[in-house]
Amino acid sequence: MWCPITYYEFYDVPRLFVVERRGRVVVFDCPFDDDEDEYVTQYAVYCFSELPESVLNGAYLSAVLSGKEPFGRVAVDAVVFDDSRRKAIDDYVLNALLGE
C-alpha cells in the first residue's frame, strides 16, 4: 500500500520527508555529510505523536530534529518510492519500523 509523503529536500530521492501514519508523524532525514561530500546512506527516522502545522510546513523541521535521538534507521535503498519519487512510499518500511 502507498503512503503519501511530504518532502522538503530532494536529491535523487527525497532526503527529508514526512509520513503521517495512524496518528503518528514519521520523519525521515538523510542529511548531507560535509566531510564525505555526499549524502549519508541511511535515513534517521523520528516518530512524533504530533507536530505543529508551522513545523510541517517546512519552516523549522530540521531545527526540531536537531539534538533528538532517532527512533530508528533505514537504508535509503530500502525505501521504495512511487515512480515520481515525490508522492508516496511503500508502507512495508513503516510496518517494519512501527511493528505493524
N, C-alpha and C. Protein backbone atom coordinates (compact mmCIF):
# COMPACT_ATOMS: atom_id res chain seq x y z
N MET A 1 0.84 -1.17 0.00
CA MET A 1 0.00 0.00 0.00
C MET A 1 0.90 1.25 0.00
N TRP A 2 0.48 2.27 -0.73
CA TRP A 2 1.25 3.50 -0.81
C TRP A 2 0.82 4.48 0.28
N CYS A 3 1.78 5.12 0.90
CA CYS A 3 1.52 6.15 1.90
C CYS A 3 2.02 7.48 1.36
N PRO A 4 1.16 8.49 1.32
CA PRO A 4 1.58 9.80 0.82
C PRO A 4 2.67 10.43 1.69
N ILE A 5 3.57 11.13 1.04
CA ILE A 5 4.64 11.83 1.75
C ILE A 5 4.59 13.32 1.42
N THR A 6 5.20 14.09 2.29
CA THR A 6 5.51 15.49 2.02
C THR A 6 7.02 15.61 2.13
N TYR A 7 7.67 16.03 1.05
CA TYR A 7 9.12 16.12 1.10
C TYR A 7 9.56 17.57 1.15
N TYR A 8 10.73 17.79 1.75
CA TYR A 8 11.27 19.13 1.94
C TYR A 8 12.62 19.31 1.26
N GLU A 9 13.36 18.24 1.10
CA GLU A 9 14.65 18.28 0.41
C GLU A 9 14.69 17.11 -0.55
N PHE A 10 15.30 17.34 -1.71
CA PHE A 10 15.34 16.30 -2.73
C PHE A 10 16.68 16.34 -3.45
N TYR A 11 17.31 15.18 -3.54
CA TYR A 11 18.47 14.97 -4.40
C TYR A 11 18.47 13.49 -4.76
N ASP A 12 18.10 13.17 -5.96
CA ASP A 12 17.88 11.80 -6.45
C ASP A 12 16.62 11.17 -5.84
N VAL A 13 16.48 11.31 -4.55
CA VAL A 13 15.28 10.86 -3.81
C VAL A 13 15.00 11.91 -2.74
N PRO A 14 13.83 11.90 -2.13
CA PRO A 14 13.62 12.82 -1.01
C PRO A 14 14.65 12.56 0.09
N ARG A 15 15.26 13.61 0.57
CA ARG A 15 16.27 13.49 1.63
C ARG A 15 15.70 13.86 2.99
N LEU A 16 14.60 14.58 2.98
CA LEU A 16 13.89 14.91 4.21
C LEU A 16 12.41 14.87 3.86
N PHE A 17 11.68 13.92 4.48
CA PHE A 17 10.26 13.83 4.18
C PHE A 17 9.48 13.34 5.40
N VAL A 18 8.17 13.57 5.34
CA VAL A 18 7.26 13.25 6.43
C VAL A 18 6.15 12.35 5.92
N VAL A 19 5.80 11.37 6.76
CA VAL A 19 4.66 10.49 6.50
C VAL A 19 3.77 10.54 7.74
N GLU A 20 2.50 10.75 7.55
CA GLU A 20 1.56 10.69 8.67
C GLU A 20 0.91 9.31 8.62
N ARG A 21 0.99 8.60 9.74
CA ARG A 21 0.51 7.22 9.77
C ARG A 21 -0.13 6.91 11.11
N ARG A 22 -1.42 6.60 11.09
CA ARG A 22 -2.16 6.16 12.27
C ARG A 22 -1.90 7.02 13.51
N GLY A 23 -2.06 8.32 13.33
CA GLY A 23 -1.91 9.24 14.45
C GLY A 23 -0.48 9.58 14.81
N ARG A 24 0.46 9.15 14.00
CA ARG A 24 1.86 9.46 14.24
C ARG A 24 2.43 10.24 13.07
N VAL A 25 3.41 11.05 13.36
CA VAL A 25 4.14 11.77 12.32
C VAL A 25 5.54 11.17 12.28
N VAL A 26 5.89 10.56 11.14
CA VAL A 26 7.18 9.90 11.00
C VAL A 26 8.03 10.73 10.04
N VAL A 27 9.20 11.12 10.51
CA VAL A 27 10.10 11.97 9.73
C VAL A 27 11.33 11.16 9.35
N PHE A 28 11.66 11.17 8.05
CA PHE A 28 12.85 10.51 7.52
C PHE A 28 13.84 11.61 7.14
N ASP A 29 15.04 11.54 7.68
CA ASP A 29 16.05 12.57 7.44
C ASP A 29 17.34 11.92 6.96
N CYS A 30 17.81 12.33 5.80
CA CYS A 30 19.06 11.83 5.23
C CYS A 30 19.95 13.04 4.95
N PRO A 31 20.69 13.49 5.95
CA PRO A 31 21.45 14.73 5.79
C PRO A 31 22.69 14.57 4.92
N PHE A 32 23.17 15.70 4.48
CA PHE A 32 24.41 15.76 3.71
C PHE A 32 25.59 15.73 4.67
N ASP A 33 26.58 14.90 4.36
CA ASP A 33 27.80 14.81 5.17
C ASP A 33 28.87 15.66 4.51
N ASP A 34 29.16 16.79 5.12
CA ASP A 34 30.15 17.72 4.54
C ASP A 34 31.54 17.09 4.44
N ASP A 35 31.92 16.28 5.43
CA ASP A 35 33.25 15.67 5.41
C ASP A 35 33.41 14.70 4.24
N GLU A 36 32.36 13.93 3.95
CA GLU A 36 32.40 12.96 2.86
C GLU A 36 31.97 13.58 1.53
N ASP A 37 31.38 14.77 1.58
CA ASP A 37 30.88 15.48 0.40
C ASP A 37 29.82 14.67 -0.35
N GLU A 38 28.95 14.03 0.43
CA GLU A 38 27.82 13.29 -0.15
C GLU A 38 26.78 13.03 0.94
N TYR A 39 25.63 12.56 0.50
CA TYR A 39 24.57 12.23 1.46
C TYR A 39 24.89 10.93 2.16
N VAL A 40 24.46 10.81 3.43
CA VAL A 40 24.65 9.56 4.17
C VAL A 40 23.79 8.48 3.53
N THR A 41 24.05 7.24 3.85
CA THR A 41 23.36 6.12 3.20
C THR A 41 22.12 5.64 3.94
N GLN A 42 21.85 6.24 5.10
CA GLN A 42 20.69 5.83 5.90
C GLN A 42 19.87 7.04 6.30
N TYR A 43 18.56 6.81 6.34
CA TYR A 43 17.67 7.81 6.93
C TYR A 43 17.69 7.63 8.44
N ALA A 44 17.79 8.73 9.16
CA ALA A 44 17.48 8.73 10.59
C ALA A 44 15.97 8.93 10.65
N VAL A 45 15.28 8.10 11.41
CA VAL A 45 13.82 8.14 11.45
C VAL A 45 13.37 8.61 12.84
N TYR A 46 12.48 9.59 12.84
CA TYR A 46 11.95 10.17 14.07
C TYR A 46 10.44 9.98 14.08
N CYS A 47 9.90 9.69 15.24
CA CYS A 47 8.46 9.46 15.36
C CYS A 47 7.89 10.41 16.41
N PHE A 48 6.85 11.12 16.04
CA PHE A 48 6.19 12.08 16.92
C PHE A 48 4.70 11.78 16.99
N SER A 49 4.08 12.08 18.10
CA SER A 49 2.63 11.93 18.19
C SER A 49 1.95 13.05 17.42
N GLU A 50 2.61 14.21 17.37
CA GLU A 50 2.12 15.32 16.56
C GLU A 50 3.23 16.35 16.42
N LEU A 51 3.09 17.17 15.40
CA LEU A 51 3.99 18.31 15.20
C LEU A 51 3.13 19.50 14.80
N PRO A 52 3.48 20.69 15.25
CA PRO A 52 2.70 21.87 14.88
C PRO A 52 2.68 22.07 13.36
N GLU A 53 1.60 22.61 12.85
CA GLU A 53 1.47 22.85 11.42
C GLU A 53 2.60 23.72 10.88
N SER A 54 3.07 24.68 11.68
CA SER A 54 4.17 25.54 11.24
C SER A 54 5.43 24.72 10.96
N VAL A 55 5.64 23.66 11.72
CA VAL A 55 6.79 22.79 11.51
C VAL A 55 6.57 21.93 10.27
N LEU A 56 5.36 21.43 10.10
CA LEU A 56 5.06 20.58 8.95
C LEU A 56 5.05 21.37 7.65
N ASN A 57 4.96 22.68 7.74
CA ASN A 57 5.08 23.50 6.53
C ASN A 57 6.54 23.66 6.12
N GLY A 58 7.45 23.07 6.87
CA GLY A 58 8.84 23.02 6.48
C GLY A 58 9.74 24.08 7.06
N ALA A 59 9.18 25.08 7.68
CA ALA A 59 10.00 26.19 8.15
C ALA A 59 11.02 25.78 9.20
N TYR A 60 10.65 24.89 10.10
CA TYR A 60 11.52 24.58 11.23
C TYR A 60 11.76 23.09 11.44
N LEU A 61 11.47 22.28 10.46
CA LEU A 61 11.56 20.83 10.64
C LEU A 61 12.98 20.38 11.01
N SER A 62 13.98 20.86 10.32
CA SER A 62 15.36 20.48 10.65
C SER A 62 15.74 20.90 12.05
N ALA A 63 15.27 22.07 12.48
CA ALA A 63 15.57 22.54 13.83
C ALA A 63 14.93 21.65 14.89
N VAL A 64 13.74 21.15 14.63
CA VAL A 64 13.05 20.27 15.57
C VAL A 64 13.83 18.96 15.73
N LEU A 65 14.44 18.48 14.66
CA LEU A 65 15.19 17.22 14.72
C LEU A 65 16.54 17.37 15.38
N SER A 66 17.11 18.55 15.33
CA SER A 66 18.44 18.80 15.87
C SER A 66 18.51 18.40 17.35
N GLY A 67 19.46 17.55 17.67
CA GLY A 67 19.67 17.13 19.05
C GLY A 67 18.78 15.99 19.52
N LYS A 68 17.84 15.56 18.71
CA LYS A 68 16.96 14.44 19.09
C LYS A 68 17.58 13.12 18.64
N GLU A 69 17.35 12.08 19.42
CA GLU A 69 17.81 10.76 19.04
C GLU A 69 16.79 10.13 18.08
N PRO A 70 17.24 9.55 16.99
CA PRO A 70 16.30 8.91 16.07
C PRO A 70 15.64 7.69 16.70
N PHE A 71 14.43 7.43 16.26
CA PHE A 71 13.66 6.26 16.65
C PHE A 71 14.27 5.00 16.04
N GLY A 72 14.82 5.17 14.84
CA GLY A 72 15.44 4.07 14.12
C GLY A 72 16.21 4.58 12.93
N ARG A 73 16.76 3.64 12.17
CA ARG A 73 17.49 3.98 10.94
C ARG A 73 17.09 3.00 9.84
N VAL A 74 17.04 3.54 8.62
CA VAL A 74 16.65 2.74 7.47
C VAL A 74 17.56 3.09 6.31
N ALA A 75 18.07 2.10 5.62
CA ALA A 75 18.90 2.35 4.44
C ALA A 75 18.07 3.09 3.38
N VAL A 76 18.68 4.07 2.75
CA VAL A 76 17.98 4.83 1.71
C VAL A 76 17.48 3.87 0.63
N ASP A 77 18.29 2.89 0.27
CA ASP A 77 17.91 1.92 -0.77
C ASP A 77 16.73 1.04 -0.37
N ALA A 78 16.42 0.97 0.92
CA ALA A 78 15.32 0.11 1.39
C ALA A 78 13.96 0.78 1.26
N VAL A 79 13.93 2.08 1.01
CA VAL A 79 12.67 2.80 0.89
C VAL A 79 12.26 2.81 -0.58
N VAL A 80 11.06 2.30 -0.85
CA VAL A 80 10.54 2.24 -2.22
C VAL A 80 9.60 3.42 -2.43
N PHE A 81 9.96 4.28 -3.38
CA PHE A 81 9.15 5.45 -3.72
C PHE A 81 8.28 5.16 -4.94
N ASP A 82 7.22 5.95 -5.08
CA ASP A 82 6.40 5.87 -6.29
C ASP A 82 7.27 6.27 -7.48
N ASP A 83 6.74 6.14 -8.70
CA ASP A 83 7.53 6.41 -9.90
C ASP A 83 8.08 7.83 -9.95
N SER A 84 7.36 8.79 -9.40
CA SER A 84 7.84 10.18 -9.41
C SER A 84 8.89 10.43 -8.33
N ARG A 85 8.95 9.54 -7.35
CA ARG A 85 9.82 9.67 -6.17
C ARG A 85 9.50 10.91 -5.34
N ARG A 86 8.28 11.40 -5.45
CA ARG A 86 7.92 12.63 -4.75
C ARG A 86 6.56 12.57 -4.06
N LYS A 87 5.81 11.50 -4.28
CA LYS A 87 4.43 11.49 -3.79
C LYS A 87 4.14 10.48 -2.69
N ALA A 88 4.80 9.32 -2.72
CA ALA A 88 4.43 8.25 -1.78
C ALA A 88 5.58 7.26 -1.61
N ILE A 89 5.50 6.52 -0.49
CA ILE A 89 6.41 5.38 -0.26
C ILE A 89 5.58 4.14 -0.04
N ASP A 90 6.16 3.00 -0.32
CA ASP A 90 5.54 1.72 0.00
C ASP A 90 5.53 1.59 1.52
N ASP A 91 4.42 1.14 2.07
CA ASP A 91 4.29 1.13 3.54
C ASP A 91 5.03 0.01 4.24
N TYR A 92 5.68 -0.91 3.51
CA TYR A 92 6.35 -2.02 4.20
C TYR A 92 7.44 -1.52 5.14
N VAL A 93 8.13 -0.44 4.78
CA VAL A 93 9.18 0.09 5.65
C VAL A 93 8.57 0.66 6.93
N LEU A 94 7.41 1.28 6.83
CA LEU A 94 6.72 1.79 8.02
C LEU A 94 6.26 0.64 8.90
N ASN A 95 5.75 -0.41 8.27
CA ASN A 95 5.31 -1.58 9.04
C ASN A 95 6.46 -2.17 9.85
N ALA A 96 7.62 -2.26 9.22
CA ALA A 96 8.79 -2.80 9.92
C ALA A 96 9.24 -1.88 11.06
N LEU A 97 9.27 -0.59 10.81
CA LEU A 97 9.71 0.37 11.84
C LEU A 97 8.75 0.46 13.01
N LEU A 98 7.46 0.48 12.70
CA LEU A 98 6.45 0.70 13.74
C LEU A 98 5.89 -0.60 14.32
N GLY A 99 6.40 -1.72 13.86
CA GLY A 99 5.96 -3.01 14.38
C GLY A 99 4.53 -3.35 14.04
N GLU A 100 4.12 -3.01 12.84
CA GLU A 100 2.73 -3.27 12.41
C GLU A 100 2.68 -4.45 11.46
